[in-house]
């Protein structure tokens, strides 16, 4: 499910679309909230039928989000402890992690003292 969302966003950025739409899945709102807080998308709207439209952000004609990658897959999951997350550089990009306290970025994980599964990477 996450791979479909990331793939739609990546393809939308590649062909310079204003926005992309897809059906709502379990935790896509949390992922989109993280991308919005990190200024990688302009925002999103949700209709009553369960369709989400994400508005993509560009700067001077080029996409703000240059790289979106799904890290963990069902057959090979990647987990990071709090110590591993703290060792990562701040200019590395944005890692989206799934923890016991919810889906969050590396900064939030360090503040809350949590490690977890790495879901995606965005720059």
PDB file of N, CA and C in Angstrom:
ATOM      1  N   UNK A   1       0.805  -1.183   0.000  1.00  0.00           N
ATOM      2  CA  UNK A   1       0.000   0.000   0.000  1.00  0.00           C
ATOM      3  C   UNK A   1       0.859   1.262   0.000  1.00  0.00           C
ATOM      4  N   UNK A   2       1.875   1.284   0.857  1.00  0.00           N
ATOM      5  CA  UNK A   2       2.757   2.440   0.905  1.00  0.00           C
ATOM      6  C   UNK A   2       3.504   2.596  -0.404  1.00  0.00           C
ATOM      7  N   UNK A   3       3.889   1.482  -1.003  1.00  0.00           N
ATOM      8  CA  UNK A   3       4.620   1.531  -2.269  1.00  0.00           C
ATOM      9  C   UNK A   3       3.767   2.176  -3.363  1.00  0.00           C
ATOM     10  N   UNK A   4       2.459   1.917  -3.368  1.00  0.00           N
ATOM     11  CA  UNK A   4       1.580   2.523  -4.364  1.00  0.00           C
ATOM     12  C   UNK A   4       1.503   4.036  -4.186  1.00  0.00           C
ATOM     13  N   UNK A   5       1.398   4.489  -2.939  1.00  0.00           N
ATOM     14  CA  UNK A   5       1.331   5.924  -2.664  1.00  0.00           C
ATOM     15  C   UNK A   5       2.619   6.614  -3.095  1.00  0.00           C
ATOM     16  N   UNK A   6       3.749   6.068  -2.670  1.00  0.00           N
ATOM     17  CA  UNK A   6       5.046   6.658  -3.003  1.00  0.00           C
ATOM     18  C   UNK A   6       5.265   6.646  -4.511  1.00  0.00           C
ATOM     19  N   UNK A   7       4.874   5.561  -5.169  1.00  0.00           N
ATOM     20  CA  UNK A   7       5.044   5.456  -6.616  1.00  0.00           C
ATOM     21  C   UNK A   7       4.196   6.504  -7.336  1.00  0.00           C
ATOM     22  N   UNK A   8       2.959   6.708  -6.898  1.00  0.00           N
ATOM     23  CA  UNK A   8       2.101   7.732  -7.516  1.00  0.00           C
ATOM     24  C   UNK A   8       2.696   9.129  -7.337  1.00  0.00           C
ATOM     25  N   UNK A   9       3.181   9.417  -6.141  1.00  0.00           N
ATOM     26  CA  UNK A   9       3.785  10.729  -5.891  1.00  0.00           C
ATOM     27  C   UNK A   9       5.035  10.924  -6.742  1.00  0.00           C
ATOM     28  N   UNK A  10       5.880   9.911  -6.798  1.00  0.00           N
ATOM     29  CA  UNK A  10       7.117   9.994  -7.577  1.00  0.00           C
ATOM     30  C   UNK A  10       6.816  10.197  -9.059  1.00  0.00           C
ATOM     31  N   UNK A  11       5.854   9.436  -9.589  1.00  0.00           N
ATOM     32  CA  UNK A  11       5.500   9.570 -11.002  1.00  0.00           C
ATOM     33  C   UNK A  11       4.873  10.934 -11.289  1.00  0.00           C
ATOM     34  N   UNK A  12       4.080  11.443 -10.352  1.00  0.00           N
ATOM     35  CA  UNK A  12       3.501  12.778 -10.525  1.00  0.00           C
ATOM     36  C   UNK A  12       4.569  13.853 -10.593  1.00  0.00           C
ATOM     37  N   UNK A  13       5.585  13.742  -9.744  1.00  0.00           N
ATOM     38  CA  UNK A  13       6.691  14.698  -9.776  1.00  0.00           C
ATOM     39  C   UNK A  13       7.481  14.585 -11.077  1.00  0.00           C
ATOM     40  N   UNK A  14       7.671  13.368 -11.582  1.00  0.00           N
ATOM     41  CA  UNK A  14       8.474  13.174 -12.789  1.00  0.00           C
ATOM     42  C   UNK A  14       7.848  13.806 -14.024  1.00  0.00           C
ATOM     43  N   UNK A  15       6.512  13.817 -14.085  1.00  0.00           N
ATOM     44  CA  UNK A  15       5.847  14.379 -15.266  1.00  0.00           C
ATOM     45  C   UNK A  15       5.239  15.745 -14.965  1.00  0.00           C
ATOM     46  N   UNK A  16       5.619  16.355 -13.834  1.00  0.00           N
ATOM     47  CA  UNK A  16       5.230  17.715 -13.465  1.00  0.00           C
ATOM     48  C   UNK A  16       3.717  17.902 -13.397  1.00  0.00           C
ATOM     49  N   UNK A  17       3.021  16.976 -12.759  1.00  0.00           N
ATOM     50  CA  UNK A  17       1.588  17.129 -12.544  1.00  0.00           C
ATOM     51  C   UNK A  17       1.348  18.087 -11.387  1.00  0.00           C
ATOM     52  N   UNK A  18       0.198  18.754 -11.430  1.00  0.00           N
ATOM     53  CA  UNK A  18      -0.192  19.649 -10.347  1.00  0.00           C
ATOM     54  C   UNK A  18      -0.581  18.860  -9.100  1.00  0.00           C
ATOM     55  N   UNK A  19      -1.207  17.708  -9.315  1.00  0.00           N
ATOM     56  CA  UNK A  19      -1.633  16.868  -8.205  1.00  0.00           C
ATOM     57  C   UNK A  19      -1.851  15.439  -8.659  1.00  0.00           C
ATOM     58  N   UNK A  20      -1.916  14.531  -7.711  1.00  0.00           N
ATOM     59  CA  UNK A  20      -2.197  13.125  -7.996  1.00  0.00           C
ATOM     60  C   UNK A  20      -3.313  12.666  -7.073  1.00  0.00           C
ATOM     61  N   UNK A  21      -4.092  11.681  -7.529  1.00  0.00           N
ATOM     62  CA  UNK A  21      -5.209  11.157  -6.750  1.00  0.00           C
ATOM     63  C   UNK A  21      -5.081   9.656  -6.579  1.00  0.00           C
ATOM     64  N   UNK A  22      -5.555   9.172  -5.447  1.00  0.00           N
ATOM     65  CA  UNK A  22      -5.586   7.741  -5.185  1.00  0.00           C
ATOM     66  C   UNK A  22      -6.603   7.467  -4.090  1.00  0.00           C
ATOM     67  N   UNK A  23      -6.963   6.201  -3.938  1.00  0.00           N
ATOM     68  CA  UNK A  23      -7.916   5.813  -2.887  1.00  0.00           C
ATOM     69  C   UNK A  23      -7.207   5.825  -1.540  1.00  0.00           C
ATOM     70  N   UNK A  24      -7.968   6.185  -0.531  1.00  0.00           N
ATOM     71  CA  UNK A  24      -7.421   6.242   0.819  1.00  0.00           C
ATOM     72  C   UNK A  24      -7.166   4.838   1.355  1.00  0.00           C
ATOM     73  N   UNK A  25      -5.984   4.658   1.949  1.00  0.00           N
ATOM     74  CA  UNK A  25      -5.646   3.406   2.613  1.00  0.00           C
ATOM     75  C   UNK A  25      -5.365   3.696   4.089  1.00  0.00           C
ATOM     76  N   UNK A  26      -5.037   2.681   4.847  1.00  0.00           N
ATOM     77  CA  UNK A  26      -4.963   2.772   6.304  1.00  0.00           C
ATOM     78  C   UNK A  26      -4.196   3.974   6.834  1.00  0.00           C
ATOM     79  N   UNK A  27      -2.931   4.059   6.548  1.00  0.00           N
ATOM     80  CA  UNK A  27      -2.098   5.064   7.202  1.00  0.00           C
ATOM     81  C   UNK A  27      -1.574   6.125   6.237  1.00  0.00           C
ATOM     82  N   UNK A  28      -2.206   6.287   5.076  1.00  0.00           N
ATOM     83  CA  UNK A  28      -1.694   7.252   4.104  1.00  0.00           C
ATOM     84  C   UNK A  28      -1.829   8.685   4.610  1.00  0.00           C
ATOM     85  N   UNK A  29      -2.830   8.981   5.423  1.00  0.00           N
ATOM     86  CA  UNK A  29      -2.994  10.332   5.960  1.00  0.00           C
ATOM     87  C   UNK A  29      -1.809  10.696   6.844  1.00  0.00           C
ATOM     88  N   UNK A  30      -1.327   9.760   7.632  1.00  0.00           N
ATOM     89  CA  UNK A  30      -0.178  10.031   8.499  1.00  0.00           C
ATOM     90  C   UNK A  30       1.081  10.300   7.680  1.00  0.00           C
ATOM     91  N   UNK A  31       1.275   9.538   6.612  1.00  0.00           N
ATOM     92  CA  UNK A  31       2.425   9.752   5.723  1.00  0.00           C
ATOM     93  C   UNK A  31       2.316  11.118   5.048  1.00  0.00           C
ATOM     94  N   UNK A  32       1.119  11.458   4.574  1.00  0.00           N
ATOM     95  CA  UNK A  32       0.918  12.745   3.907  1.00  0.00           C
ATOM     96  C   UNK A  32       1.085  13.908   4.882  1.00  0.00           C
ATOM     97  N   UNK A  33       0.684  13.734   6.136  1.00  0.00           N
ATOM     98  CA  UNK A  33       0.905  14.770   7.141  1.00  0.00           C
ATOM     99  C   UNK A  33       2.393  15.025   7.351  1.00  0.00           C
ATOM    100  N   UNK A  34       3.171  13.960   7.380  1.00  0.00           N
ATOM    101  CA  UNK A  34       4.629  14.109   7.544  1.00  0.00           C
ATOM    102  C   UNK A  34       5.219  14.828   6.336  1.00  0.00           C
ATOM    103  N   UNK A  35       4.809  14.440   5.134  1.00  0.00           N
ATOM    104  CA  UNK A  35       5.330  15.097   3.934  1.00  0.00           C
ATOM    105  C   UNK A  35       4.919  16.567   3.886  1.00  0.00           C
ATOM    106  N   UNK A  36       3.721  16.890   4.377  1.00  0.00           N
ATOM    107  CA  UNK A  36       3.265  18.273   4.393  1.00  0.00           C
ATOM    108  C   UNK A  36       4.050  19.091   5.424  1.00  0.00           C
ATOM    109  N   UNK A  37       4.293  18.531   6.615  1.00  0.00           N
ATOM    110  CA  UNK A  37       5.043  19.247   7.648  1.00  0.00           C
ATOM    111  C   UNK A  37       6.482  19.498   7.224  1.00  0.00           C
ATOM    112  N   UNK A  38       7.019  18.618   6.389  1.00  0.00           N
ATOM    113  CA  UNK A  38       8.394  18.782   5.908  1.00  0.00           C
ATOM    114  C   UNK A  38       8.447  19.599   4.605  1.00  0.00           C
ATOM    115  N   UNK A  39       7.310  20.160   4.182  1.00  0.00           N
ATOM    116  CA  UNK A  39       7.196  21.017   2.985  1.00  0.00           C
ATOM    117  C   UNK A  39       7.563  20.292   1.692  1.00  0.00           C
ATOM    118  N   UNK A  40       7.246  19.028   1.600  1.00  0.00           N
ATOM    119  CA  UNK A  40       7.492  18.289   0.364  1.00  0.00           C
ATOM    120  C   UNK A  40       6.254  18.249  -0.534  1.00  0.00           C
ATOM    121  N   UNK A  41       5.077  18.512   0.028  1.00  0.00           N
ATOM    122  CA  UNK A  41       3.846  18.637  -0.759  1.00  0.00           C
ATOM    123  C   UNK A  41       3.125  19.904  -0.309  1.00  0.00           C
ATOM    124  N   UNK A  42       2.256  20.441  -1.176  1.00  0.00           N
ATOM    125  CA  UNK A  42       1.485  21.635  -0.818  1.00  0.00           C
ATOM    126  C   UNK A  42       0.362  21.313   0.148  1.00  0.00           C
ATOM    127  N   UNK A  43      -0.217  20.155  -0.001  1.00  0.00           N
ATOM    128  CA  UNK A  43      -1.323  19.754   0.854  1.00  0.00           C
ATOM    129  C   UNK A  43      -2.101  18.634   0.197  1.00  0.00           C
ATOM    130  N   UNK A  44      -3.247  18.320   0.775  1.00  0.00           N
ATOM    131  CA  UNK A  44      -4.087  17.271   0.211  1.00  0.00           C
ATOM    132  C   UNK A  44      -5.529  17.521   0.622  1.00  0.00           C
ATOM    133  N   UNK A  45      -6.440  16.967  -0.163  1.00  0.00           N
ATOM    134  CA  UNK A  45      -7.866  17.024   0.168  1.00  0.00           C
ATOM    135  C   UNK A  45      -8.422  15.611   0.127  1.00  0.00           C
ATOM    136  N   UNK A  46      -9.467  15.401   0.929  1.00  0.00           N
ATOM    137  CA  UNK A  46     -10.102  14.092   1.001  1.00  0.00           C
ATOM    138  C   UNK A  46     -11.581  14.257   0.694  1.00  0.00           C
ATOM    139  N   UNK A  47     -12.099  13.439  -0.219  1.00  0.00           N
ATOM    140  CA  UNK A  47     -13.511  13.508  -0.557  1.00  0.00           C
ATOM    141  C   UNK A  47     -14.291  12.478   0.254  1.00  0.00           C
ATOM    142  N   UNK A  48     -15.611  12.561   0.162  1.00  0.00           N
ATOM    143  CA  UNK A  48     -16.472  11.630   0.902  1.00  0.00           C
ATOM    144  C   UNK A  48     -16.374  10.209   0.369  1.00  0.00           C
ATOM    145  N   UNK A  49     -15.984  10.060  -0.898  1.00  0.00           N
ATOM    146  CA  UNK A  49     -15.873   8.729  -1.494  1.00  0.00           C
ATOM    147  C   UNK A  49     -14.572   8.022  -1.127  1.00  0.00           C
ATOM    148  N   UNK A  50     -13.694   8.670  -0.377  1.00  0.00           N
ATOM    149  CA  UNK A  50     -12.435   8.046   0.018  1.00  0.00           C
ATOM    150  C   UNK A  50     -11.300   8.295  -0.969  1.00  0.00           C
ATOM    151  N   UNK A  51     -11.449   9.299  -1.829  1.00  0.00           N
ATOM    152  CA  UNK A  51     -10.393   9.653  -2.788  1.00  0.00           C
ATOM    153  C   UNK A  51      -9.575  10.805  -2.199  1.00  0.00           C
ATOM    154  N   UNK A  52      -8.268  10.643  -2.226  1.00  0.00           N
ATOM    155  CA  UNK A  52      -7.364  11.686  -1.727  1.00  0.00           C
ATOM    156  C   UNK A  52      -6.643  12.299  -2.918  1.00  0.00           C
ATOM    157  N   UNK A  53      -6.639  13.632  -2.982  1.00  0.00           N
ATOM    158  CA  UNK A  53      -5.894  14.362  -4.006  1.00  0.00           C
ATOM    159  C   UNK A  53      -4.744  15.081  -3.321  1.00  0.00           C
ATOM    160  N   UNK A  54      -3.533  14.794  -3.745  1.00  0.00           N
ATOM    161  CA  UNK A  54      -2.332  15.397  -3.167  1.00  0.00           C
ATOM    162  C   UNK A  54      -1.816  16.450  -4.140  1.00  0.00           C
ATOM    163  N   UNK A  55      -1.569  17.665  -3.639  1.00  0.00           N
ATOM    164  CA  UNK A  55      -1.052  18.755  -4.457  1.00  0.00           C
ATOM    165  C   UNK A  55       0.464  18.809  -4.297  1.00  0.00           C
ATOM    166  N   UNK A  56       1.174  18.695  -5.411  1.00  0.00           N
ATOM    167  CA  UNK A  56       2.632  18.600  -5.399  1.00  0.00           C
ATOM    168  C   UNK A  56       3.259  19.988  -5.371  1.00  0.00           C
ATOM    169  N   UNK A  57       4.429  20.100  -4.774  1.00  0.00           N
ATOM    170  CA  UNK A  57       5.119  21.378  -4.615  1.00  0.00           C
ATOM    171  C   UNK A  57       6.316  21.451  -5.563  1.00  0.00           C
ATOM    172  N   UNK A  58       6.440  22.601  -6.239  1.00  0.00           N
ATOM    173  CA  UNK A  58       7.553  22.858  -7.147  1.00  0.00           C
ATOM    174  C   UNK A  58       8.192  24.193  -6.785  1.00  0.00           C
ATOM    175  N   UNK A  59       9.474  24.333  -7.098  1.00  0.00           N
ATOM    176  CA  UNK A  59      10.183  25.592  -6.884  1.00  0.00           C
ATOM    177  C   UNK A  59      10.976  25.916  -8.144  1.00  0.00           C
ATOM    178  N   UNK A  60      10.671  27.023  -8.764  1.00  0.00           N
ATOM    179  CA  UNK A  60      11.315  27.449 -10.019  1.00  0.00           C
ATOM    180  C   UNK A  60      11.229  26.378 -11.091  1.00  0.00           C
ATOM    181  N   UNK A  61      10.112  25.704 -11.158  1.00  0.00           N
ATOM    182  CA  UNK A  61       9.888  24.713 -12.201  1.00  0.00           C
ATOM    183  C   UNK A  61      10.456  23.336 -11.935  1.00  0.00           C
ATOM    184  N   UNK A  62      11.126  23.156 -10.817  1.00  0.00           N
ATOM    185  CA  UNK A  62      11.663  21.827 -10.510  1.00  0.00           C
ATOM    186  C   UNK A  62      11.011  21.299  -9.230  1.00  0.00           C
ATOM    187  N   UNK A  63      10.846  19.987  -9.134  1.00  0.00           N
ATOM    188  CA  UNK A  63      10.179  19.418  -7.956  1.00  0.00           C
ATOM    189  C   UNK A  63      10.968  19.645  -6.669  1.00  0.00           C
ATOM    190  N   UNK A  64      10.252  19.937  -5.595  1.00  0.00           N
ATOM    191  CA  UNK A  64      10.892  20.073  -4.286  1.00  0.00           C
ATOM    192  C   UNK A  64      11.397  18.712  -3.815  1.00  0.00           C
ATOM    193  N   UNK A  65      10.574  17.708  -3.958  1.00  0.00           N
ATOM    194  CA  UNK A  65      10.930  16.360  -3.530  1.00  0.00           C
ATOM    195  C   UNK A  65      11.630  15.657  -4.692  1.00  0.00           C
ATOM    196  N   UNK A  66      12.930  15.530  -4.602  1.00  0.00           N
ATOM    197  CA  UNK A  66      13.700  14.960  -5.707  1.00  0.00           C
ATOM    198  C   UNK A  66      13.816  13.441  -5.621  1.00  0.00           C
ATOM    199  N   UNK A  67      13.580  12.899  -4.418  1.00  0.00           N
ATOM    200  CA  UNK A  67      13.732  11.452  -4.275  1.00  0.00           C
ATOM    201  C   UNK A  67      12.751  10.908  -3.241  1.00  0.00           C
ATOM    202  N   UNK A  68      11.957   9.960  -3.642  1.00  0.00           N
ATOM    203  CA  UNK A  68      11.048   9.235  -2.751  1.00  0.00           C
ATOM    204  C   UNK A  68      11.305   7.747  -2.948  1.00  0.00           C
ATOM    205  N   UNK A  69      11.649   7.061  -1.872  1.00  0.00           N
ATOM    206  CA  UNK A  69      12.004   5.650  -1.973  1.00  0.00           C
ATOM    207  C   UNK A  69      11.348   4.881  -0.837  1.00  0.00           C
ATOM    208  N   UNK A  70      10.799   3.719  -1.151  1.00  0.00           N
ATOM    209  CA  UNK A  70      10.298   2.805  -0.126  1.00  0.00           C
ATOM    210  C   UNK A  70      11.475   1.947   0.324  1.00  0.00           C
ATOM    211  N   UNK A  71      11.724   1.929   1.630  1.00  0.00           N
ATOM    212  CA  UNK A  71      12.879   1.197   2.155  1.00  0.00           C
ATOM    213  C   UNK A  71      12.485  -0.229   2.561  1.00  0.00           C
ATOM    214  N   UNK A  72      11.562  -0.358   3.494  1.00  0.00           N
ATOM    215  CA  UNK A  72      11.152  -1.682   3.975  1.00  0.00           C
ATOM    216  C   UNK A  72      10.121  -2.290   3.050  1.00  0.00           C
ATOM    217  N   UNK A  73      10.335  -3.538   2.750  1.00  0.00           N
ATOM    218  CA  UNK A  73       9.392  -4.305   1.944  1.00  0.00           C
ATOM    219  C   UNK A  73       8.965  -5.511   2.771  1.00  0.00           C
ATOM    220  N   UNK A  74       7.888  -6.173   2.388  1.00  0.00           N
ATOM    221  CA  UNK A  74       7.424  -7.301   3.208  1.00  0.00           C
ATOM    222  C   UNK A  74       8.458  -8.407   3.403  1.00  0.00           C
ATOM    223  N   UNK A  75       9.305  -8.646   2.439  1.00  0.00           N
ATOM    224  CA  UNK A  75      10.253  -9.749   2.610  1.00  0.00           C
ATOM    225  C   UNK A  75      11.555  -9.329   3.281  1.00  0.00           C
ATOM    226  N   UNK A  76      11.895  -8.046   3.232  1.00  0.00           N
ATOM    227  CA  UNK A  76      13.115  -7.586   3.897  1.00  0.00           C
ATOM    228  C   UNK A  76      12.848  -6.257   4.592  1.00  0.00           C
ATOM    229  N   UNK A  77      12.576  -6.371   5.860  1.00  0.00           N
ATOM    230  CA  UNK A  77      12.258  -5.200   6.672  1.00  0.00           C
ATOM    231  C   UNK A  77      13.534  -4.668   7.315  1.00  0.00           C
ATOM    232  N   UNK A  78      13.629  -3.345   7.404  1.00  0.00           N
ATOM    233  CA  UNK A  78      14.788  -2.676   7.977  1.00  0.00           C
ATOM    234  C   UNK A  78      14.356  -2.008   9.282  1.00  0.00           C
ATOM    235  N   UNK A  79      15.050  -2.333  10.363  1.00  0.00           N
ATOM    236  CA  UNK A  79      14.752  -1.758  11.663  1.00  0.00           C
ATOM    237  C   UNK A  79      15.961  -0.970  12.149  1.00  0.00           C
ATOM    238  N   UNK A  80      15.695   0.168  12.798  1.00  0.00           N
ATOM    239  CA  UNK A  80      16.759   0.981  13.383  1.00  0.00           C
ATOM    240  C   UNK A  80      16.464   1.207  14.856  1.00  0.00           C
ATOM    241  N   UNK A  81      17.495   1.076  15.680  1.00  0.00           N
ATOM    242  CA  UNK A  81      17.338   1.390  17.096  1.00  0.00           C
ATOM    243  C   UNK A  81      17.485   2.899  17.282  1.00  0.00           C
ATOM    244  N   UNK A  82      17.208   3.356  18.484  1.00  0.00           N
ATOM    245  CA  UNK A  82      17.343   4.780  18.776  1.00  0.00           C
ATOM    246  C   UNK A  82      18.784   5.235  18.582  1.00  0.00           C
ATOM    247  N   UNK A  83      19.747   4.406  18.935  1.00  0.00           N
ATOM    248  CA  UNK A  83      21.160   4.742  18.772  1.00  0.00           C
ATOM    249  C   UNK A  83      21.515   4.893  17.295  1.00  0.00           C
ATOM    250  N   UNK A  84      20.995   4.002  16.444  1.00  0.00           N
ATOM    251  CA  UNK A  84      21.249   4.100  15.011  1.00  0.00           C
ATOM    252  C   UNK A  84      20.633   5.363  14.419  1.00  0.00           C
ATOM    253  N   UNK A  85      19.434   5.700  14.874  1.00  0.00           N
ATOM    254  CA  UNK A  85      18.757   6.904  14.372  1.00  0.00           C
ATOM    255  C   UNK A  85      19.521   8.152  14.789  1.00  0.00           C
ATOM    256  N   UNK A  86      20.033   8.170  16.009  1.00  0.00           N
ATOM    257  CA  UNK A  86      20.776   9.332  16.502  1.00  0.00           C
ATOM    258  C   UNK A  86      22.088   9.521  15.749  1.00  0.00           C
ATOM    259  N   UNK A  87      22.652   8.449  15.224  1.00  0.00           N
ATOM    260  CA  UNK A  87      23.915   8.546  14.486  1.00  0.00           C
ATOM    261  C   UNK A  87      23.752   9.129  13.085  1.00  0.00           C
ATOM    262  N   UNK A  88      22.523   9.089  12.552  1.00  0.00           N
ATOM    263  CA  UNK A  88      22.288   9.591  11.202  1.00  0.00           C
ATOM    264  C   UNK A  88      22.482  11.105  11.152  1.00  0.00           C
ATOM    265  N   UNK A  89      22.976  11.572  10.042  1.00  0.00           N
ATOM    266  CA  UNK A  89      23.207  12.997   9.858  1.00  0.00           C
ATOM    267  C   UNK A  89      21.889  13.720   9.596  1.00  0.00           C
ATOM    268  N   UNK A  90      21.811  14.991   9.988  1.00  0.00           N
ATOM    269  CA  UNK A  90      20.599  15.776   9.770  1.00  0.00           C
ATOM    270  C   UNK A  90      20.380  16.096   8.298  1.00  0.00           C
ATOM    271  N   UNK A  91      21.438  16.232   7.523  1.00  0.00           N
ATOM    272  CA  UNK A  91      21.299  16.563   6.104  1.00  0.00           C
ATOM    273  C   UNK A  91      21.101  15.313   5.243  1.00  0.00           C
ATOM    274  N   UNK A  92      20.878  14.188   5.878  1.00  0.00           N
ATOM    275  CA  UNK A  92      20.674  12.929   5.180  1.00  0.00           C
ATOM    276  C   UNK A  92      19.366  12.922   4.412  1.00  0.00           C
ATOM    277  N   UNK A  93      18.352  13.556   4.938  1.00  0.00           N
ATOM    278  CA  UNK A  93      17.023  13.563   4.340  1.00  0.00           C
ATOM    279  C   UNK A  93      16.007  13.220   5.404  1.00  0.00           C
ATOM    280  N   UNK A  94      14.836  12.827   4.988  1.00  0.00           N
ATOM    281  CA  UNK A  94      13.762  12.513   5.918  1.00  0.00           C
ATOM    282  C   UNK A  94      13.484  11.024   5.867  1.00  0.00           C
ATOM    283  N   UNK A  95      13.665  10.368   6.989  1.00  0.00           N
ATOM    284  CA  UNK A  95      13.292   8.968   7.113  1.00  0.00           C
ATOM    285  C   UNK A  95      11.942   8.909   7.806  1.00  0.00           C
ATOM    286  N   UNK A  96      11.032   8.137   7.257  1.00  0.00           N
ATOM    287  CA  UNK A  96       9.730   7.938   7.869  1.00  0.00           C
ATOM    288  C   UNK A  96       9.746   6.560   8.510  1.00  0.00           C
ATOM    289  N   UNK A  97       9.517   6.519   9.817  1.00  0.00           N
ATOM    290  CA  UNK A  97       9.601   5.285  10.580  1.00  0.00           C
ATOM    291  C   UNK A  97       8.254   4.919  11.184  1.00  0.00           C
ATOM    292  N   UNK A  98       8.030   3.633  11.318  1.00  0.00           N
ATOM    293  CA  UNK A  98       6.860   3.118  12.008  1.00  0.00           C
ATOM    294  C   UNK A  98       7.325   2.608  13.364  1.00  0.00           C
ATOM    295  N   UNK A  99       6.825   3.223  14.428  1.00  0.00           N
ATOM    296  CA  UNK A  99       7.220   2.851  15.777  1.00  0.00           C
ATOM    297  C   UNK A  99       5.997   2.358  16.543  1.00  0.00           C
ATOM    298  N   UNK A 100       6.201   1.995  17.792  1.00  0.00           N
ATOM    299  CA  UNK A 100       5.079   1.570  18.625  1.00  0.00           C
ATOM    300  C   UNK A 100       4.182   2.740  18.994  1.00  0.00           C
ATOM    301  N   UNK A 101       4.697   3.958  18.874  1.00  0.00           N
ATOM    302  CA  UNK A 101       3.908   5.156  19.190  1.00  0.00           C
ATOM    303  C   UNK A 101       3.368   5.837  17.942  1.00  0.00           C
ATOM    304  N   UNK A 102       3.455   5.182  16.797  1.00  0.00           N
ATOM    305  CA  UNK A 102       2.902   5.741  15.567  1.00  0.00           C
ATOM    306  C   UNK A 102       3.961   5.963  14.503  1.00  0.00           C
ATOM    307  N   UNK A 103       3.529   6.549  13.396  1.00  0.00           N
ATOM    308  CA  UNK A 103       4.424   6.834  12.275  1.00  0.00           C
ATOM    309  C   UNK A 103       5.008   8.222  12.476  1.00  0.00           C
ATOM    310  N   UNK A 104       6.348   8.324  12.402  1.00  0.00           N
ATOM    311  CA  UNK A 104       7.011   9.600  12.666  1.00  0.00           C
ATOM    312  C   UNK A 104       8.343   9.692  11.937  1.00  0.00           C
ATOM    313  N   UNK A 105       8.928  10.893  11.962  1.00  0.00           N
ATOM    314  CA  UNK A 105      10.222  11.137  11.331  1.00  0.00           C
ATOM    315  C   UNK A 105      11.343  10.829  12.324  1.00  0.00           C
ATOM    316  N   UNK A 106      12.584  10.946  11.854  1.00  0.00           N
ATOM    317  CA  UNK A 106      13.725  10.663  12.722  1.00  0.00           C
ATOM    318  C   UNK A 106      13.801  11.643  13.890  1.00  0.00           C
ATOM    319  N   UNK A 107      13.502  12.925  13.649  1.00  0.00           N
ATOM    320  CA  UNK A 107      13.542  13.918  14.727  1.00  0.00           C
ATOM    321  C   UNK A 107      12.550  13.566  15.826  1.00  0.00           C
ATOM    322  N   UNK A 108      11.350  13.194  15.440  1.00  0.00           N
ATOM    323  CA  UNK A 108      10.331  12.834  16.421  1.00  0.00           C
ATOM    324  C   UNK A 108      10.732  11.569  17.177  1.00  0.00           C
ATOM    325  N   UNK A 109      11.357  10.622  16.484  1.00  0.00           N
ATOM    326  CA  UNK A 109      11.812   9.387  17.142  1.00  0.00           C
ATOM    327  C   UNK A 109      12.867   9.687  18.196  1.00  0.00           C
ATOM    328  N   UNK A 110      13.775  10.584  17.893  1.00  0.00           N
ATOM    329  CA  UNK A 110      14.829  10.932  18.847  1.00  0.00           C
ATOM    330  C   UNK A 110      14.219  11.626  20.059  1.00  0.00           C
ATOM    331  N   UNK A 111      13.260  12.554  19.821  1.00  0.00           N
ATOM    332  CA  UNK A 111      12.618  13.248  20.927  1.00  0.00           C
ATOM    333  C   UNK A 111      11.838  12.303  21.830  1.00  0.00           C
ATOM    334  N   UNK A 112      11.178  11.307  21.242  1.00  0.00           N
ATOM    335  CA  UNK A 112      10.358  10.387  22.036  1.00  0.00           C
ATOM    336  C   UNK A 112      11.125   9.156  22.505  1.00  0.00           C
ATOM    337  N   UNK A 113      12.368   8.989  22.032  1.00  0.00           N
ATOM    338  CA  UNK A 113      13.184   7.858  22.477  1.00  0.00           C
ATOM    339  C   UNK A 113      12.736   6.527  21.914  1.00  0.00           C
ATOM    340  N   UNK A 114      12.386   6.508  20.650  1.00  0.00           N
ATOM    341  CA  UNK A 114      11.850   5.309  20.008  1.00  0.00           C
ATOM    342  C   UNK A 114      12.698   4.914  18.804  1.00  0.00           C
ATOM    343  N   UNK A 115      12.775   3.650  18.538  1.00  0.00           N
ATOM    344  CA  UNK A 115      13.316   3.114  17.307  1.00  0.00           C
ATOM    345  C   UNK A 115      12.182   2.437  16.569  1.00  0.00           C
ATOM    346  N   UNK A 116      12.445   1.956  15.358  1.00  0.00           N
ATOM    347  CA  UNK A 116      11.369   1.284  14.653  1.00  0.00           C
ATOM    348  C   UNK A 116      11.749   0.868  13.248  1.00  0.00           C
ATOM    349  N   UNK A 117      10.738   0.517  12.478  1.00  0.00           N
ATOM    350  CA  UNK A 117      10.929   0.059  11.102  1.00  0.00           C
ATOM    351  C   UNK A 117      10.979   1.260  10.160  1.00  0.00           C
ATOM    352  N   UNK A 118      11.967   1.293   9.294  1.00  0.00           N
ATOM    353  CA  UNK A 118      12.105   2.381   8.325  1.00  0.00           C
ATOM    354  C   UNK A 118      11.170   2.101   7.161  1.00  0.00           C
ATOM    355  N   UNK A 119      10.185   2.981   6.962  1.00  0.00           N
ATOM    356  CA  UNK A 119       9.213   2.788   5.886  1.00  0.00           C
ATOM    357  C   UNK A 119       9.674   3.415   4.578  1.00  0.00           C
ATOM    358  N   UNK A 120      10.080   4.689   4.629  1.00  0.00           N
ATOM    359  CA  UNK A 120      10.396   5.414   3.391  1.00  0.00           C
ATOM    360  C   UNK A 120      11.460   6.468   3.653  1.00  0.00           C
ATOM    361  N   UNK A 121      12.009   6.959   2.569  1.00  0.00           N
ATOM    362  CA  UNK A 121      13.062   7.984   2.585  1.00  0.00           C
ATOM    363  C   UNK A 121      12.666   9.059   1.585  1.00  0.00           C
ATOM    364  N   UNK A 122      12.771  10.309   1.979  1.00  0.00           N
ATOM    365  CA  UNK A 122      12.418  11.420   1.084  1.00  0.00           C
ATOM    366  C   UNK A 122      13.459  12.516   1.196  1.00  0.00           C
ATOM    367  N   UNK A 123      13.759  13.135   0.055  1.00  0.00           N
ATOM    368  CA  UNK A 123      14.672  14.289   0.009  1.00  0.00           C
ATOM    369  C   UNK A 123      14.015  15.357  -0.815  1.00  0.00           C
TER     370      UNK A 123
END
